[in-house]
N, C-alpha and C. Protein backbone atom coordinates (compact mmCIF):
# COMPACT_ATOMS: atom_id res chain seq x y z
N MET A 1 -5.49 25.94 12.18
CA MET A 1 -4.53 26.65 11.37
C MET A 1 -5.20 26.99 10.04
N THR A 2 -4.98 28.20 9.56
CA THR A 2 -5.56 28.60 8.27
C THR A 2 -4.63 28.22 7.12
N VAL A 3 -5.17 28.25 5.92
CA VAL A 3 -4.37 27.99 4.73
C VAL A 3 -3.22 28.99 4.66
N ARG A 4 -3.49 30.26 4.92
CA ARG A 4 -2.44 31.28 4.88
C ARG A 4 -1.32 30.96 5.88
N GLU A 5 -1.69 30.59 7.10
CA GLU A 5 -0.68 30.26 8.12
C GLU A 5 0.16 29.06 7.69
N LEU A 6 -0.47 28.05 7.12
CA LEU A 6 0.25 26.88 6.64
C LEU A 6 1.20 27.26 5.51
N ALA A 7 0.71 28.04 4.57
CA ALA A 7 1.54 28.47 3.44
C ALA A 7 2.75 29.26 3.90
N GLU A 8 2.55 30.14 4.85
CA GLU A 8 3.66 30.93 5.37
C GLU A 8 4.65 30.07 6.15
N ALA A 9 4.14 29.18 6.97
CA ALA A 9 5.00 28.32 7.79
C ALA A 9 5.87 27.40 6.93
N LEU A 10 5.33 26.95 5.79
CA LEU A 10 6.05 26.00 4.94
C LEU A 10 6.68 26.67 3.72
N ASN A 11 6.60 28.00 3.68
CA ASN A 11 7.18 28.76 2.56
C ASN A 11 6.65 28.28 1.22
N LEU A 12 5.32 28.15 1.14
CA LEU A 12 4.66 27.70 -0.07
C LEU A 12 4.27 28.91 -0.92
N GLU A 13 4.38 28.77 -2.21
CA GLU A 13 3.97 29.81 -3.14
C GLU A 13 2.45 29.75 -3.29
N ILE A 14 1.80 30.87 -3.09
CA ILE A 14 0.35 30.96 -3.25
C ILE A 14 0.07 31.39 -4.69
N LEU A 15 -0.52 30.51 -5.47
CA LEU A 15 -0.72 30.77 -6.89
C LEU A 15 -2.04 31.46 -7.20
N THR A 16 -2.99 31.39 -6.29
CA THR A 16 -4.34 31.86 -6.56
C THR A 16 -4.69 33.16 -5.84
N GLY A 17 -3.70 33.93 -5.46
CA GLY A 17 -3.98 35.20 -4.81
C GLY A 17 -4.57 35.03 -3.42
N GLY A 18 -5.50 35.91 -3.07
CA GLY A 18 -6.03 35.93 -1.72
C GLY A 18 -7.26 35.08 -1.47
N VAL A 19 -7.72 34.33 -2.47
CA VAL A 19 -8.95 33.55 -2.28
C VAL A 19 -8.71 32.36 -1.35
N GLY A 20 -9.65 32.14 -0.43
CA GLY A 20 -9.66 30.94 0.39
C GLY A 20 -8.59 30.80 1.45
N LEU A 21 -7.82 31.84 1.68
CA LEU A 21 -6.69 31.71 2.61
C LEU A 21 -7.09 31.66 4.08
N ARG A 22 -8.34 32.02 4.37
CA ARG A 22 -8.80 31.98 5.76
C ARG A 22 -9.42 30.64 6.14
N GLN A 23 -9.56 29.75 5.15
CA GLN A 23 -10.16 28.44 5.43
C GLN A 23 -9.26 27.65 6.39
N GLU A 24 -9.88 26.95 7.29
CA GLU A 24 -9.15 26.15 8.27
C GLU A 24 -8.64 24.84 7.64
N VAL A 25 -7.43 24.47 8.00
CA VAL A 25 -6.84 23.20 7.60
C VAL A 25 -6.80 22.32 8.83
N GLU A 26 -7.44 21.17 8.74
CA GLU A 26 -7.49 20.24 9.86
C GLU A 26 -6.75 18.94 9.59
N HIS A 27 -6.59 18.60 8.30
CA HIS A 27 -6.00 17.32 7.92
C HIS A 27 -5.11 17.51 6.69
N GLY A 28 -4.36 16.49 6.40
CA GLY A 28 -3.60 16.44 5.17
C GLY A 28 -3.91 15.15 4.44
N TYR A 29 -3.75 15.17 3.12
CA TYR A 29 -3.96 13.95 2.34
C TYR A 29 -3.03 13.99 1.14
N VAL A 30 -2.49 12.84 0.79
CA VAL A 30 -1.61 12.75 -0.39
C VAL A 30 -2.07 11.60 -1.26
N SER A 31 -2.31 11.92 -2.52
CA SER A 31 -2.67 10.90 -3.50
C SER A 31 -2.71 11.55 -4.87
N ASP A 32 -2.37 10.77 -5.88
CA ASP A 32 -2.48 11.23 -7.25
C ASP A 32 -3.64 10.55 -7.97
N LEU A 33 -4.36 9.73 -7.26
CA LEU A 33 -5.50 9.02 -7.82
C LEU A 33 -6.79 9.73 -7.37
N LEU A 34 -7.49 10.34 -8.30
CA LEU A 34 -8.64 11.15 -7.94
C LEU A 34 -9.71 10.36 -7.22
N SER A 35 -9.96 9.14 -7.63
CA SER A 35 -10.98 8.33 -6.96
C SER A 35 -10.59 8.03 -5.51
N ASP A 36 -9.31 7.92 -5.25
CA ASP A 36 -8.83 7.71 -3.88
C ASP A 36 -9.12 8.94 -3.02
N VAL A 37 -8.88 10.11 -3.56
CA VAL A 37 -9.15 11.35 -2.83
C VAL A 37 -10.65 11.48 -2.57
N ILE A 38 -11.45 11.20 -3.58
CA ILE A 38 -12.91 11.28 -3.41
C ILE A 38 -13.37 10.32 -2.31
N GLY A 39 -12.82 9.13 -2.29
CA GLY A 39 -13.25 8.13 -1.33
C GLY A 39 -12.69 8.28 0.07
N ASN A 40 -11.56 8.98 0.21
CA ASN A 40 -10.87 8.93 1.50
C ASN A 40 -10.40 10.24 2.11
N ALA A 41 -10.26 11.29 1.35
CA ALA A 41 -9.74 12.54 1.91
C ALA A 41 -10.78 13.19 2.82
N PRO A 42 -10.39 13.54 4.04
CA PRO A 42 -11.32 14.24 4.92
C PRO A 42 -11.54 15.68 4.45
N GLU A 43 -12.69 16.23 4.79
CA GLU A 43 -12.93 17.65 4.52
C GLU A 43 -11.91 18.49 5.26
N ASN A 44 -11.69 19.69 4.76
CA ASN A 44 -10.74 20.64 5.34
C ASN A 44 -9.31 20.11 5.35
N SER A 45 -9.01 19.32 4.33
CA SER A 45 -7.65 18.80 4.17
C SER A 45 -6.86 19.69 3.23
N VAL A 46 -5.56 19.63 3.36
CA VAL A 46 -4.67 20.12 2.34
C VAL A 46 -4.24 18.88 1.57
N TRP A 47 -4.33 18.94 0.24
CA TRP A 47 -4.11 17.78 -0.62
C TRP A 47 -2.82 17.98 -1.40
N VAL A 48 -1.89 17.04 -1.26
CA VAL A 48 -0.62 17.07 -1.99
C VAL A 48 -0.74 16.12 -3.18
N THR A 49 -0.49 16.65 -4.38
CA THR A 49 -0.60 15.85 -5.60
C THR A 49 0.26 16.43 -6.72
N VAL A 50 0.68 15.57 -7.62
CA VAL A 50 1.38 16.04 -8.82
C VAL A 50 0.40 16.28 -9.97
N GLN A 51 -0.86 15.93 -9.78
CA GLN A 51 -1.86 16.15 -10.82
C GLN A 51 -2.06 17.65 -11.03
N ARG A 52 -2.20 18.06 -12.30
CA ARG A 52 -2.33 19.49 -12.60
C ARG A 52 -3.33 19.72 -13.72
N HIS A 53 -4.44 19.03 -13.68
CA HIS A 53 -5.47 19.21 -14.69
C HIS A 53 -6.76 19.66 -14.01
N VAL A 54 -7.71 20.10 -14.80
CA VAL A 54 -8.91 20.73 -14.28
C VAL A 54 -9.72 19.81 -13.36
N ASN A 55 -9.60 18.51 -13.51
CA ASN A 55 -10.38 17.59 -12.68
C ASN A 55 -10.03 17.68 -11.20
N ILE A 56 -8.83 18.13 -10.86
CA ILE A 56 -8.49 18.27 -9.44
C ILE A 56 -9.37 19.32 -8.76
N LEU A 57 -9.81 20.31 -9.53
CA LEU A 57 -10.67 21.34 -8.96
C LEU A 57 -12.04 20.78 -8.60
N GLY A 58 -12.57 19.92 -9.45
CA GLY A 58 -13.85 19.29 -9.15
C GLY A 58 -13.77 18.42 -7.92
N VAL A 59 -12.69 17.69 -7.79
CA VAL A 59 -12.50 16.83 -6.61
C VAL A 59 -12.36 17.70 -5.36
N ALA A 60 -11.58 18.76 -5.45
CA ALA A 60 -11.39 19.65 -4.30
C ALA A 60 -12.71 20.26 -3.86
N LYS A 61 -13.52 20.67 -4.81
CA LYS A 61 -14.82 21.27 -4.50
C LYS A 61 -15.74 20.22 -3.85
N LEU A 62 -15.77 19.03 -4.43
CA LEU A 62 -16.61 17.95 -3.92
C LEU A 62 -16.26 17.59 -2.47
N LYS A 63 -14.97 17.56 -2.15
CA LYS A 63 -14.50 17.12 -0.83
C LYS A 63 -14.22 18.27 0.13
N ASN A 64 -14.51 19.50 -0.28
CA ASN A 64 -14.23 20.68 0.54
C ASN A 64 -12.76 20.69 0.99
N ILE A 65 -11.87 20.51 0.02
CA ILE A 65 -10.43 20.54 0.27
C ILE A 65 -10.01 21.99 0.51
N ALA A 66 -9.25 22.23 1.55
CA ALA A 66 -8.84 23.59 1.89
C ALA A 66 -7.84 24.16 0.89
N ALA A 67 -6.93 23.32 0.39
CA ALA A 67 -5.93 23.77 -0.57
C ALA A 67 -5.29 22.57 -1.24
N ILE A 68 -4.76 22.80 -2.43
CA ILE A 68 -4.03 21.78 -3.17
C ILE A 68 -2.58 22.23 -3.27
N ILE A 69 -1.66 21.36 -2.90
CA ILE A 69 -0.23 21.67 -2.99
C ILE A 69 0.40 20.80 -4.07
N THR A 70 1.10 21.42 -4.99
CA THR A 70 1.90 20.66 -5.96
C THR A 70 3.36 20.76 -5.56
N PRO A 71 4.07 19.65 -5.60
CA PRO A 71 5.49 19.64 -5.19
C PRO A 71 6.43 19.89 -6.37
N ARG A 72 7.72 19.88 -6.08
CA ARG A 72 8.81 19.91 -7.07
C ARG A 72 8.79 21.12 -7.99
N GLY A 73 8.10 22.18 -7.61
CA GLY A 73 8.04 23.36 -8.45
C GLY A 73 7.38 23.12 -9.78
N LEU A 74 6.50 22.13 -9.84
CA LEU A 74 5.85 21.77 -11.10
C LEU A 74 5.09 22.96 -11.68
N LYS A 75 5.18 23.12 -12.99
CA LYS A 75 4.51 24.20 -13.68
C LYS A 75 3.01 23.94 -13.71
N ILE A 76 2.25 24.98 -13.42
CA ILE A 76 0.80 24.89 -13.45
C ILE A 76 0.29 25.88 -14.47
N ASP A 77 -0.54 25.40 -15.36
CA ASP A 77 -1.10 26.20 -16.45
C ASP A 77 -1.88 27.39 -15.90
N GLY A 78 -1.72 28.54 -16.55
CA GLY A 78 -2.41 29.75 -16.14
C GLY A 78 -3.93 29.61 -16.16
N GLU A 79 -4.44 28.84 -17.10
CA GLU A 79 -5.89 28.62 -17.17
C GLU A 79 -6.40 27.88 -15.94
N LEU A 80 -5.62 26.91 -15.46
CA LEU A 80 -6.00 26.18 -14.25
C LEU A 80 -5.99 27.12 -13.05
N ILE A 81 -5.00 27.97 -12.97
CA ILE A 81 -4.91 28.93 -11.86
C ILE A 81 -6.12 29.87 -11.87
N GLU A 82 -6.46 30.38 -13.05
CA GLU A 82 -7.61 31.29 -13.16
C GLU A 82 -8.91 30.58 -12.79
N ARG A 83 -9.07 29.36 -13.24
CA ARG A 83 -10.28 28.61 -12.91
C ARG A 83 -10.35 28.32 -11.41
N ALA A 84 -9.21 27.98 -10.81
CA ALA A 84 -9.17 27.75 -9.36
C ALA A 84 -9.55 29.02 -8.61
N ARG A 85 -9.03 30.13 -9.06
CA ARG A 85 -9.35 31.42 -8.43
C ARG A 85 -10.86 31.67 -8.52
N ALA A 86 -11.44 31.44 -9.69
CA ALA A 86 -12.88 31.65 -9.87
C ALA A 86 -13.70 30.72 -8.99
N GLU A 87 -13.20 29.50 -8.78
CA GLU A 87 -13.90 28.51 -7.95
C GLU A 87 -13.55 28.67 -6.45
N GLU A 88 -12.65 29.61 -6.16
CA GLU A 88 -12.17 29.87 -4.80
C GLU A 88 -11.51 28.64 -4.19
N ILE A 89 -10.67 27.99 -4.99
CA ILE A 89 -9.88 26.85 -4.55
C ILE A 89 -8.42 27.30 -4.52
N VAL A 90 -7.76 27.12 -3.41
CA VAL A 90 -6.38 27.58 -3.24
C VAL A 90 -5.41 26.59 -3.87
N LEU A 91 -4.54 27.11 -4.72
CA LEU A 91 -3.44 26.31 -5.28
C LEU A 91 -2.14 26.83 -4.70
N LEU A 92 -1.36 25.92 -4.13
CA LEU A 92 -0.07 26.23 -3.54
C LEU A 92 1.00 25.40 -4.25
N ARG A 93 2.23 25.89 -4.22
CA ARG A 93 3.32 25.15 -4.85
C ARG A 93 4.55 25.19 -3.94
N SER A 94 5.23 24.06 -3.92
CA SER A 94 6.48 23.93 -3.17
C SER A 94 7.58 23.48 -4.12
N GLU A 95 8.78 23.92 -3.85
CA GLU A 95 9.95 23.46 -4.61
C GLU A 95 10.42 22.10 -4.10
N ARG A 96 9.97 21.72 -2.92
CA ARG A 96 10.40 20.46 -2.31
C ARG A 96 9.72 19.26 -2.95
N PRO A 97 10.33 18.08 -2.85
CA PRO A 97 9.66 16.86 -3.33
C PRO A 97 8.44 16.55 -2.46
N ALA A 98 7.51 15.79 -3.02
CA ALA A 98 6.26 15.47 -2.33
C ALA A 98 6.52 14.84 -0.96
N PHE A 99 7.48 13.95 -0.87
CA PHE A 99 7.79 13.27 0.40
C PHE A 99 8.09 14.29 1.50
N GLU A 100 8.89 15.29 1.19
CA GLU A 100 9.21 16.33 2.18
C GLU A 100 8.01 17.19 2.51
N VAL A 101 7.24 17.55 1.50
CA VAL A 101 6.06 18.39 1.73
C VAL A 101 5.10 17.68 2.67
N VAL A 102 4.83 16.41 2.40
CA VAL A 102 3.90 15.66 3.24
C VAL A 102 4.41 15.59 4.68
N GLY A 103 5.70 15.32 4.85
CA GLY A 103 6.27 15.27 6.19
C GLY A 103 6.15 16.59 6.92
N MET A 104 6.38 17.68 6.21
CA MET A 104 6.28 19.00 6.83
C MET A 104 4.84 19.34 7.19
N VAL A 105 3.90 19.02 6.30
CA VAL A 105 2.48 19.25 6.58
C VAL A 105 2.08 18.44 7.82
N TYR A 106 2.47 17.19 7.85
CA TYR A 106 2.15 16.35 9.00
C TYR A 106 2.70 16.95 10.30
N GLY A 107 3.95 17.35 10.26
CA GLY A 107 4.58 17.91 11.46
C GLY A 107 3.90 19.15 11.96
N ILE A 108 3.56 20.05 11.07
CA ILE A 108 2.95 21.31 11.50
C ILE A 108 1.50 21.11 11.97
N LEU A 109 0.78 20.22 11.31
CA LEU A 109 -0.60 19.98 11.75
C LEU A 109 -0.64 19.20 13.07
N LYS A 110 0.34 18.36 13.29
CA LYS A 110 0.41 17.60 14.55
C LYS A 110 0.61 18.56 15.73
N LYS A 111 1.37 19.62 15.52
CA LYS A 111 1.63 20.60 16.58
C LYS A 111 0.42 21.52 16.82
N ALA A 112 -0.36 21.75 15.76
CA ALA A 112 -1.47 22.73 15.84
C ALA A 112 -2.64 22.25 16.65
């Protein structure tokens, strides 16, 4: 499943335009602790986190994260969005709480 297909299936807002939407998503990971993501997130994961600072982009690049999803409609700074776009890292946003987002990601990836 591609990032675009996942975003469409879960009605996620794509914040970074068309960059990276063809990347394959094979796994999901949820954590707000960057060292945990670095140590444990599989490559080609979609990462659910409430973190919204520039360091998430470095972690995503390091781990080849397919996309980062922020829950609860959390506001994301325009500078972070522009930097993600430049780094070709997909930022997605959901209005749902993290618990629901993770469950939905799990369900759709389990079927794929």
